[in-house]
Amino acid sequence: MSILIKDTTKEERERIVNESIGNVNGSCDGCMAGLAEMYQDYIDGKREISEINMAFRAHYESGEEVPPRQSCGYIN
């Protein structure tokens, strides 16, 4: 089954997102509602899921300071 916009109806896309995310209303910290909103462009037929996921990954920051890597001693 294709999940591309051209191969699905709005109702099917809504079902695909709901089944993929899980129980949006059961979240106690409120982040699941934001996740559901993230895919609204897909449901509305504006952007494919892959485009939304790539945009999210491109803007993700962990917020952690990562120490510089140190040599293992084998490379001079």
PDB file of N, CA and C in Angstrom:
ATOM      1  N   MET A   1       0.838  -1.187   0.000  1.00  0.00           N
ATOM      2  CA  MET A   1       0.000   0.000   0.000  1.00  0.00           C
ATOM      3  C   MET A   1       0.879   1.246   0.000  1.00  0.00           C
ATOM      4  N   SER A   2       0.619   2.142  -0.892  1.00  0.00           N
ATOM      5  CA  SER A   2       1.357   3.386  -0.978  1.00  0.00           C
ATOM      6  C   SER A   2       0.780   4.403   0.005  1.00  0.00           C
ATOM      7  N   ILE A   3       1.665   5.186   0.615  1.00  0.00           N
ATOM      8  CA  ILE A   3       1.209   6.253   1.507  1.00  0.00           C
ATOM      9  C   ILE A   3       1.433   7.629   0.876  1.00  0.00           C
ATOM     10  N   LEU A   4       1.769   7.653  -0.403  1.00  0.00           N
ATOM     11  CA  LEU A   4       1.972   8.921  -1.097  1.00  0.00           C
ATOM     12  C   LEU A   4       0.652   9.686  -1.205  1.00  0.00           C
ATOM     13  N   ILE A   5       0.747  10.990  -1.199  1.00  0.00           N
ATOM     14  CA  ILE A   5      -0.442  11.836  -1.273  1.00  0.00           C
ATOM     15  C   ILE A   5      -1.280  11.510  -2.503  1.00  0.00           C
ATOM     16  N   LYS A   6      -0.632  11.299  -3.630  1.00  0.00           N
ATOM     17  CA  LYS A   6      -1.371  11.047  -4.878  1.00  0.00           C
ATOM     18  C   LYS A   6      -2.139   9.726  -4.840  1.00  0.00           C
ATOM     19  N   ASP A   7      -1.762   8.827  -3.943  1.00  0.00           N
ATOM     20  CA  ASP A   7      -2.390   7.505  -3.867  1.00  0.00           C
ATOM     21  C   ASP A   7      -3.356   7.361  -2.704  1.00  0.00           C
ATOM     22  N   THR A   8      -3.590   8.429  -1.938  1.00  0.00           N
ATOM     23  CA  THR A   8      -4.443   8.336  -0.754  1.00  0.00           C
ATOM     24  C   THR A   8      -5.450   9.471  -0.700  1.00  0.00           C
ATOM     25  N   THR A   9      -6.507   9.225   0.037  1.00  0.00           N
ATOM     26  CA  THR A   9      -7.485  10.283   0.308  1.00  0.00           C
ATOM     27  C   THR A   9      -7.099  10.967   1.618  1.00  0.00           C
ATOM     28  N   LYS A  10      -7.709  12.082   1.892  1.00  0.00           N
ATOM     29  CA  LYS A  10      -7.439  12.792   3.147  1.00  0.00           C
ATOM     30  C   LYS A  10      -7.768  11.902   4.342  1.00  0.00           C
ATOM     31  N   GLU A  11      -8.859  11.184   4.274  1.00  0.00           N
ATOM     32  CA  GLU A  11      -9.262  10.296   5.366  1.00  0.00           C
ATOM     33  C   GLU A  11      -8.228   9.189   5.581  1.00  0.00           C
ATOM     34  N   GLU A  12      -7.702   8.646   4.492  1.00  0.00           N
ATOM     35  CA  GLU A  12      -6.678   7.601   4.601  1.00  0.00           C
ATOM     36  C   GLU A  12      -5.395   8.163   5.211  1.00  0.00           C
ATOM     37  N   ARG A  13      -5.012   9.371   4.809  1.00  0.00           N
ATOM     38  CA  ARG A  13      -3.800   9.985   5.367  1.00  0.00           C
ATOM     39  C   ARG A  13      -3.971  10.265   6.851  1.00  0.00           C
ATOM     40  N   GLU A  14      -5.141  10.693   7.243  1.00  0.00           N
ATOM     41  CA  GLU A  14      -5.429  10.934   8.655  1.00  0.00           C
ATOM     42  C   GLU A  14      -5.309   9.632   9.455  1.00  0.00           C
ATOM     43  N   ARG A  15      -5.832   8.553   8.899  1.00  0.00           N
ATOM     44  CA  ARG A  15      -5.746   7.244   9.553  1.00  0.00           C
ATOM     45  C   ARG A  15      -4.288   6.780   9.642  1.00  0.00           C
ATOM     46  N   ILE A  16      -3.517   6.986   8.574  1.00  0.00           N
ATOM     47  CA  ILE A  16      -2.107   6.588   8.551  1.00  0.00           C
ATOM     48  C   ILE A  16      -1.345   7.306   9.671  1.00  0.00           C
ATOM     49  N   VAL A  17      -1.558   8.606   9.799  1.00  0.00           N
ATOM     50  CA  VAL A  17      -0.874   9.379  10.839  1.00  0.00           C
ATOM     51  C   VAL A  17      -1.324   8.915  12.220  1.00  0.00           C
ATOM     52  N   ASN A  18      -2.619   8.754  12.423  1.00  0.00           N
ATOM     53  CA  ASN A  18      -3.127   8.327  13.730  1.00  0.00           C
ATOM     54  C   ASN A  18      -2.599   6.958  14.126  1.00  0.00           C
ATOM     55  N   GLU A  19      -2.549   6.030  13.188  1.00  0.00           N
ATOM     56  CA  GLU A  19      -2.046   4.692  13.493  1.00  0.00           C
ATOM     57  C   GLU A  19      -0.541   4.707  13.756  1.00  0.00           C
ATOM     58  N   SER A  20       0.164   5.577  13.078  1.00  0.00           N
ATOM     59  CA  SER A  20       1.618   5.642  13.237  1.00  0.00           C
ATOM     60  C   SER A  20       2.025   6.277  14.561  1.00  0.00           C
ATOM     61  N   ILE A  21       1.317   7.315  14.956  1.00  0.00           N
ATOM     62  CA  ILE A  21       1.668   8.043  16.177  1.00  0.00           C
ATOM     63  C   ILE A  21       1.161   7.319  17.414  1.00  0.00           C
ATOM     64  N   GLY A  22       0.015   6.713  17.339  1.00  0.00           N
ATOM     65  CA  GLY A  22      -0.556   6.050  18.509  1.00  0.00           C
ATOM     66  C   GLY A  22      -1.613   6.913  19.156  1.00  0.00           C
ATOM     67  N   ASN A  23      -1.775   6.729  20.450  1.00  0.00           N
ATOM     68  CA  ASN A  23      -2.814   7.426  21.205  1.00  0.00           C
ATOM     69  C   ASN A  23      -2.367   8.842  21.535  1.00  0.00           C
ATOM     70  N   VAL A  24      -2.769   9.804  20.720  1.00  0.00           N
ATOM     71  CA  VAL A  24      -2.380  11.197  20.924  1.00  0.00           C
ATOM     72  C   VAL A  24      -2.996  11.750  22.200  1.00  0.00           C
ATOM     73  N   ASN A  25      -4.224  11.408  22.492  1.00  0.00           N
ATOM     74  CA  ASN A  25      -4.918  11.955  23.659  1.00  0.00           C
ATOM     75  C   ASN A  25      -4.427  11.364  24.967  1.00  0.00           C
ATOM     76  N   GLY A  26      -3.726  10.242  24.924  1.00  0.00           N
ATOM     77  CA  GLY A  26      -3.271   9.595  26.146  1.00  0.00           C
ATOM     78  C   GLY A  26      -1.962  10.129  26.676  1.00  0.00           C
ATOM     79  N   SER A  27      -1.368  11.094  26.025  1.00  0.00           N
ATOM     80  CA  SER A  27      -0.084  11.641  26.452  1.00  0.00           C
ATOM     81  C   SER A  27      -0.294  12.647  27.571  1.00  0.00           C
ATOM     82  N   CYS A  28       0.518  12.527  28.623  1.00  0.00           N
ATOM     83  CA  CYS A  28       0.352  13.442  29.744  1.00  0.00           C
ATOM     84  C   CYS A  28       1.238  14.673  29.647  1.00  0.00           C
ATOM     85  N   ASP A  29       2.277  14.656  28.815  1.00  0.00           N
ATOM     86  CA  ASP A  29       3.176  15.800  28.766  1.00  0.00           C
ATOM     87  C   ASP A  29       2.875  16.760  27.623  1.00  0.00           C
ATOM     88  N   GLY A  30       1.896  16.465  26.800  1.00  0.00           N
ATOM     89  CA  GLY A  30       1.477  17.375  25.749  1.00  0.00           C
ATOM     90  C   GLY A  30       2.308  17.336  24.480  1.00  0.00           C
ATOM     91  N   CYS A  31       3.359  16.537  24.441  1.00  0.00           N
ATOM     92  CA  CYS A  31       4.211  16.551  23.248  1.00  0.00           C
ATOM     93  C   CYS A  31       3.568  15.813  22.082  1.00  0.00           C
ATOM     94  N   MET A  32       2.714  14.838  22.339  1.00  0.00           N
ATOM     95  CA  MET A  32       2.105  14.073  21.253  1.00  0.00           C
ATOM     96  C   MET A  32       1.188  14.942  20.407  1.00  0.00           C
ATOM     97  N   ALA A  33       0.515  15.891  21.013  1.00  0.00           N
ATOM     98  CA  ALA A  33      -0.352  16.773  20.233  1.00  0.00           C
ATOM     99  C   ALA A  33       0.482  17.572  19.241  1.00  0.00           C
ATOM    100  N   GLY A  34       1.647  18.035  19.653  1.00  0.00           N
ATOM    101  CA  GLY A  34       2.546  18.752  18.755  1.00  0.00           C
ATOM    102  C   GLY A  34       3.039  17.870  17.630  1.00  0.00           C
ATOM    103  N   LEU A  35       3.256  16.603  17.941  1.00  0.00           N
ATOM    104  CA  LEU A  35       3.690  15.652  16.923  1.00  0.00           C
ATOM    105  C   LEU A  35       2.594  15.442  15.891  1.00  0.00           C
ATOM    106  N   ALA A  36       1.374  15.354  16.330  1.00  0.00           N
ATOM    107  CA  ALA A  36       0.252  15.196  15.399  1.00  0.00           C
ATOM    108  C   ALA A  36       0.119  16.425  14.506  1.00  0.00           C
ATOM    109  N   GLU A  37       0.312  17.596  15.057  1.00  0.00           N
ATOM    110  CA  GLU A  37       0.238  18.835  14.271  1.00  0.00           C
ATOM    111  C   GLU A  37       1.346  18.898  13.220  1.00  0.00           C
ATOM    112  N   MET A  38       2.488  18.295  13.531  1.00  0.00           N
ATOM    113  CA  MET A  38       3.617  18.298  12.613  1.00  0.00           C
ATOM    114  C   MET A  38       3.241  17.653  11.279  1.00  0.00           C
ATOM    115  N   TYR A  39       2.359  16.672  11.302  1.00  0.00           N
ATOM    116  CA  TYR A  39       1.970  15.944  10.099  1.00  0.00           C
ATOM    117  C   TYR A  39       0.701  16.475   9.446  1.00  0.00           C
ATOM    118  N   GLN A  40       0.208  17.623   9.884  1.00  0.00           N
ATOM    119  CA  GLN A  40      -1.021  18.176   9.313  1.00  0.00           C
ATOM    120  C   GLN A  40      -0.866  18.498   7.831  1.00  0.00           C
ATOM    121  N   ASP A  41       0.322  18.958   7.408  1.00  0.00           N
ATOM    122  CA  ASP A  41       0.540  19.234   5.977  1.00  0.00           C
ATOM    123  C   ASP A  41       0.384  17.966   5.143  1.00  0.00           C
ATOM    124  N   TYR A  42       0.800  16.826   5.678  1.00  0.00           N
ATOM    125  CA  TYR A  42       0.613  15.553   4.964  1.00  0.00           C
ATOM    126  C   TYR A  42      -0.870  15.228   4.864  1.00  0.00           C
ATOM    127  N   ILE A  43      -1.569  15.344   5.959  1.00  0.00           N
ATOM    128  CA  ILE A  43      -3.008  15.055   5.971  1.00  0.00           C
ATOM    129  C   ILE A  43      -3.736  15.958   4.974  1.00  0.00           C
ATOM    130  N   ASP A  44      -3.331  17.232   4.899  1.00  0.00           N
ATOM    131  CA  ASP A  44      -3.965  18.188   3.994  1.00  0.00           C
ATOM    132  C   ASP A  44      -3.479  18.063   2.550  1.00  0.00           C
ATOM    133  N   GLY A  45      -2.518  17.178   2.300  1.00  0.00           N
ATOM    134  CA  GLY A  45      -2.038  16.959   0.945  1.00  0.00           C
ATOM    135  C   GLY A  45      -1.023  17.983   0.458  1.00  0.00           C
ATOM    136  N   LYS A  46      -0.344  18.654   1.377  1.00  0.00           N
ATOM    137  CA  LYS A  46       0.613  19.701   1.004  1.00  0.00           C
ATOM    138  C   LYS A  46       2.051  19.192   0.911  1.00  0.00           C
ATOM    139  N   ARG A  47       2.448  18.289   1.811  1.00  0.00           N
ATOM    140  CA  ARG A  47       3.820  17.756   1.833  1.00  0.00           C
ATOM    141  C   ARG A  47       3.790  16.276   2.172  1.00  0.00           C
ATOM    142  N   GLU A  48       4.699  15.523   1.565  1.00  0.00           N
ATOM    143  CA  GLU A  48       4.805  14.097   1.844  1.00  0.00           C
ATOM    144  C   GLU A  48       5.410  13.871   3.229  1.00  0.00           C
ATOM    145  N   ILE A  49       5.160  12.721   3.814  1.00  0.00           N
ATOM    146  CA  ILE A  49       5.720  12.379   5.115  1.00  0.00           C
ATOM    147  C   ILE A  49       7.245  12.467   5.090  1.00  0.00           C
ATOM    148  N   SER A  50       7.853  11.989   4.019  1.00  0.00           N
ATOM    149  CA  SER A  50       9.319  12.013   3.938  1.00  0.00           C
ATOM    150  C   SER A  50       9.850  13.442   3.999  1.00  0.00           C
ATOM    151  N   GLU A  51       9.160  14.392   3.383  1.00  0.00           N
ATOM    152  CA  GLU A  51       9.588  15.795   3.423  1.00  0.00           C
ATOM    153  C   GLU A  51       9.496  16.351   4.843  1.00  0.00           C
ATOM    154  N   ILE A  52       8.429  16.019   5.533  1.00  0.00           N
ATOM    155  CA  ILE A  52       8.236  16.491   6.905  1.00  0.00           C
ATOM    156  C   ILE A  52       9.311  15.902   7.810  1.00  0.00           C
ATOM    157  N   ASN A  53       9.573  14.615   7.663  1.00  0.00           N
ATOM    158  CA  ASN A  53      10.587  13.965   8.496  1.00  0.00           C
ATOM    159  C   ASN A  53      11.979  14.534   8.236  1.00  0.00           C
ATOM    160  N   MET A  54      12.312  14.784   6.976  1.00  0.00           N
ATOM    161  CA  MET A  54      13.625  15.348   6.659  1.00  0.00           C
ATOM    162  C   MET A  54      13.768  16.756   7.226  1.00  0.00           C
ATOM    163  N   ALA A  55      12.727  17.545   7.168  1.00  0.00           N
ATOM    164  CA  ALA A  55      12.778  18.902   7.717  1.00  0.00           C
ATOM    165  C   ALA A  55      12.954  18.857   9.228  1.00  0.00           C
ATOM    166  N   PHE A  56      12.306  17.925   9.882  1.00  0.00           N
ATOM    167  CA  PHE A  56      12.431  17.784  11.336  1.00  0.00           C
ATOM    168  C   PHE A  56      13.846  17.379  11.705  1.00  0.00           C
ATOM    169  N   ARG A  57      14.393  16.397  11.015  1.00  0.00           N
ATOM    170  CA  ARG A  57      15.753  15.933  11.296  1.00  0.00           C
ATOM    171  C   ARG A  57      16.777  17.030  11.071  1.00  0.00           C
ATOM    172  N   ALA A  58      16.580  17.859  10.069  1.00  0.00           N
ATOM    173  CA  ALA A  58      17.529  18.918   9.748  1.00  0.00           C
ATOM    174  C   ALA A  58      17.568  19.998  10.828  1.00  0.00           C
ATOM    175  N   HIS A  59      16.510  20.126  11.612  1.00  0.00           N
ATOM    176  CA  HIS A  59      16.441  21.168  12.630  1.00  0.00           C
ATOM    177  C   HIS A  59      16.577  20.633  14.053  1.00  0.00           C
ATOM    178  N   TYR A  60      16.809  19.345  14.205  1.00  0.00           N
ATOM    179  CA  TYR A  60      16.901  18.749  15.534  1.00  0.00           C
ATOM    180  C   TYR A  60      18.235  19.096  16.179  1.00  0.00           C
ATOM    181  N   GLU A  61      18.196  19.484  17.436  1.00  0.00           N
ATOM    182  CA  GLU A  61      19.396  19.719  18.234  1.00  0.00           C
ATOM    183  C   GLU A  61      19.196  19.000  19.553  1.00  0.00           C
ATOM    184  N   SER A  62      20.253  18.332  20.015  1.00  0.00           N
ATOM    185  CA  SER A  62      20.119  17.562  21.253  1.00  0.00           C
ATOM    186  C   SER A  62      20.167  18.449  22.481  1.00  0.00           C
ATOM    187  N   GLY A  63      20.811  19.598  22.392  1.00  0.00           N
ATOM    188  CA  GLY A  63      20.916  20.470  23.553  1.00  0.00           C
ATOM    189  C   GLY A  63      22.045  20.078  24.481  1.00  0.00           C
ATOM    190  N   GLU A  64      22.756  19.018  24.169  1.00  0.00           N
ATOM    191  CA  GLU A  64      23.864  18.566  25.003  1.00  0.00           C
ATOM    192  C   GLU A  64      25.183  19.037  24.409  1.00  0.00           C
ATOM    193  N   GLU A  65      26.078  19.438  25.272  1.00  0.00           N
ATOM    194  CA  GLU A  65      27.423  19.780  24.841  1.00  0.00           C
ATOM    195  C   GLU A  65      28.197  18.479  24.687  1.00  0.00           C
ATOM    196  N   VAL A  66      28.783  18.291  23.551  1.00  0.00           N
ATOM    197  CA  VAL A  66      29.529  17.068  23.281  1.00  0.00           C
ATOM    198  C   VAL A  66      31.020  17.381  23.377  1.00  0.00           C
ATOM    199  N   PRO A  67      31.760  16.643  24.218  1.00  0.00           N
ATOM    200  CA  PRO A  67      33.193  16.909  24.316  1.00  0.00           C
ATOM    201  C   PRO A  67      33.897  16.516  23.020  1.00  0.00           C
ATOM    202  N   PRO A  68      35.017  17.174  22.718  1.00  0.00           N
ATOM    203  CA  PRO A  68      35.738  16.816  21.493  1.00  0.00           C
ATOM    204  C   PRO A  68      36.249  15.378  21.566  1.00  0.00           C
ATOM    205  N   ARG A  69      36.294  14.734  20.424  1.00  0.00           N
ATOM    206  CA  ARG A  69      36.791  13.362  20.377  1.00  0.00           C
ATOM    207  C   ARG A  69      38.288  13.345  20.609  1.00  0.00           C
ATOM    208  N   GLN A  70      38.718  12.310  21.281  1.00  0.00           N
ATOM    209  CA  GLN A  70      40.136  12.145  21.518  1.00  0.00           C
ATOM    210  C   GLN A  70      40.627  10.941  20.749  1.00  0.00           C
ATOM    211  N   SER A  71      41.868  10.977  20.385  1.00  0.00           N
ATOM    212  CA  SER A  71      42.464   9.879  19.633  1.00  0.00           C
ATOM    213  C   SER A  71      42.531   8.633  20.501  1.00  0.00           C
ATOM    214  N   CYS A  72      42.441   7.486  19.867  1.00  0.00           N
ATOM    215  CA  CYS A  72      42.536   6.228  20.600  1.00  0.00           C
ATOM    216  C   CYS A  72      43.990   5.802  20.795  1.00  0.00           C
ATOM    217  N   GLY A  73      44.921   6.541  20.242  1.00  0.00           N
ATOM    218  CA  GLY A  73      46.328   6.229  20.414  1.00  0.00           C
ATOM    219  C   GLY A  73      46.923   5.459  19.246  1.00  0.00           C
ATOM    220  N   TYR A  74      46.072   4.950  18.377  1.00  0.00           N
ATOM    221  CA  TYR A  74      46.575   4.176  17.231  1.00  0.00           C
ATOM    222  C   TYR A  74      46.886   5.056  16.033  1.00  0.00           C
ATOM    223  N   ILE A  75      46.319   6.242  16.012  1.00  0.00           N
ATOM    224  CA  ILE A  75      46.537   7.146  14.878  1.00  0.00           C
ATOM    225  C   ILE A  75      47.522   8.229  15.312  1.00  0.00           C
ATOM    226  N   ASN A  76      48.575   8.390  14.564  1.00  0.00           N
ATOM    227  CA  ASN A  76      49.571   9.418  14.890  1.00  0.00           C
ATOM    228  C   ASN A  76      49.369  10.648  14.058  1.00  0.00           C
TER     229      ASN A  76
END
